[in-house]
């Protein structure tokens, strides 16, 4: 399911504008629309300085929580540069926001290398 596509997040003047960012939800993600919008905003902010170098960014969110368990939320970000190989990172956490933030941090580190 594609929930959020390219767009300029309000209140984020430092966010990347030109790179298409698409958020994909895998499975049942509670609060899907809000989570997808937040993911797009965070990823756009993270990739802002790489905006001219990237052709497309895909974000995959999944929630494998089983009732009664602490849950396993995952965020995978695949950033495809105009030149070179796709950079892919996956981070998991008990909360989706933490998984997204951690994945953004690792992505920025890898793109900076």
Protein backbone atom coordinates (compact mmCIF):
# COMPACT_ATOMS: atom_id res chain seq x y z
CA UNK A 1 0.00 0.00 0.00
CA UNK A 2 1.43 3.37 -0.96
CA UNK A 3 0.28 5.98 1.53
CA UNK A 4 2.42 9.07 1.09
CA UNK A 5 4.23 10.30 -1.97
CA UNK A 6 6.47 13.22 -2.78
CA UNK A 7 5.59 16.53 -1.30
CA UNK A 8 7.01 19.36 0.71
CA UNK A 9 6.33 18.85 4.44
CA UNK A 10 5.03 21.99 6.09
CA UNK A 11 7.28 23.54 8.66
CA UNK A 12 10.40 21.84 7.33
CA UNK A 13 12.32 24.45 5.35
CA UNK A 14 15.42 22.28 5.46
CA UNK A 15 13.66 19.30 3.92
CA UNK A 16 14.62 17.90 0.54
CA UNK A 17 12.28 19.05 -2.21
CA UNK A 18 13.32 17.33 -5.41
CA UNK A 19 13.86 13.68 -4.52
CA UNK A 20 10.69 11.60 -4.72
CA UNK A 21 10.05 9.89 -1.37
CA UNK A 22 7.46 7.12 -1.31
CA UNK A 23 6.32 5.41 1.89
CA UNK A 24 5.12 1.80 1.66
CA UNK A 25 3.29 0.08 4.50
CA UNK A 26 3.82 -3.64 4.89
CA UNK A 27 1.20 -5.46 6.90
CA UNK A 28 -1.03 -3.79 9.48
CA UNK A 29 0.60 -0.58 10.70
CA UNK A 30 -1.54 1.17 13.36
CA UNK A 31 -2.22 4.84 12.54
CA UNK A 32 -0.96 4.25 9.01
CA UNK A 33 -1.65 7.70 7.50
CA UNK A 34 -0.08 9.60 10.40
CA UNK A 35 2.92 7.27 10.62
CA UNK A 36 3.51 7.47 6.86
CA UNK A 37 3.37 11.26 6.89
CA UNK A 38 5.77 11.44 9.82
CA UNK A 39 8.14 9.00 8.12
CA UNK A 40 8.15 11.07 4.93
CA UNK A 41 8.87 14.26 6.89
CA UNK A 42 11.73 12.70 8.86
CA UNK A 43 13.30 11.11 5.77
CA UNK A 44 13.05 14.36 3.77
CA UNK A 45 14.80 16.23 6.56
CA UNK A 46 17.51 13.57 6.77
CA UNK A 47 18.25 13.54 3.02
CA UNK A 48 18.03 17.31 2.49
CA UNK A 49 21.75 17.80 1.92
CA UNK A 50 21.86 14.82 -0.48
CA UNK A 51 18.81 15.93 -2.47
CA UNK A 52 20.71 16.65 -5.69
CA UNK A 53 22.50 13.30 -5.54
CA UNK A 54 19.45 11.04 -5.10
CA UNK A 55 16.99 9.99 -7.78
CA UNK A 56 14.43 8.21 -5.56
CA UNK A 57 13.92 7.14 -1.94
CA UNK A 58 11.60 4.34 -0.83
CA UNK A 59 10.61 3.86 2.80
CA UNK A 60 9.13 0.54 3.96
CA UNK A 61 7.39 0.41 7.34
CA UNK A 62 6.24 -2.80 9.00
CA UNK A 63 4.78 -3.70 12.38
CA UNK A 64 5.10 -7.35 13.38
CA UNK A 65 3.57 -6.86 16.81
CA UNK A 66 1.81 -9.86 18.28
CA UNK A 67 -0.82 -9.19 20.93
CA UNK A 68 0.79 -9.34 24.37
CA UNK A 69 4.34 -8.82 23.07
CA UNK A 70 6.43 -5.64 23.09
CA UNK A 71 6.39 -5.62 19.30
CA UNK A 72 8.86 -5.30 16.51
CA UNK A 73 8.53 -2.24 14.28
CA UNK A 74 10.88 -1.91 11.34
CA UNK A 75 11.85 0.87 8.96
CA UNK A 76 13.81 0.12 5.79
CA UNK A 77 14.99 3.03 3.66
CA UNK A 78 16.34 2.50 0.15
CA UNK A 79 18.01 5.54 -1.38
CA UNK A 80 18.96 5.33 -5.04
CA UNK A 81 21.58 7.84 -6.17
CA UNK A 82 21.84 9.11 -9.74
CA UNK A 83 25.20 7.32 -9.88
CA UNK A 84 26.23 4.27 -7.91
CA UNK A 85 24.50 1.54 -5.99
CA UNK A 86 21.32 1.80 -3.94
CA UNK A 87 21.94 2.33 -0.25
CA UNK A 88 19.60 0.28 1.95
CA UNK A 89 19.29 0.41 5.74
CA UNK A 90 16.91 -1.34 8.13
CA UNK A 91 16.40 -0.50 11.77
CA UNK A 92 13.98 -2.02 14.28
CA UNK A 93 12.62 -0.77 17.58
CA UNK A 94 9.69 -1.13 19.95
CA UNK A 95 8.23 2.14 18.61
CA UNK A 96 7.88 3.06 14.93
CA UNK A 97 9.17 6.61 15.49
CA UNK A 98 12.38 5.23 17.01
CA UNK A 99 12.87 2.81 14.12
CA UNK A 100 12.39 5.64 11.59
CA UNK A 101 14.77 7.98 13.42
CA UNK A 102 17.45 5.27 13.74
CA UNK A 103 17.15 4.31 10.05
CA UNK A 104 17.48 7.98 9.01
CA UNK A 105 20.61 8.36 11.14
CA UNK A 106 22.26 5.27 9.63
CA UNK A 107 21.25 6.32 6.10
CA UNK A 108 22.87 9.75 6.54
CA UNK A 109 26.04 8.09 7.85
CA UNK A 110 26.20 5.77 4.85
CA UNK A 111 25.47 8.51 2.32
CA UNK A 112 28.21 10.64 3.91
CA UNK A 113 30.89 8.00 3.28
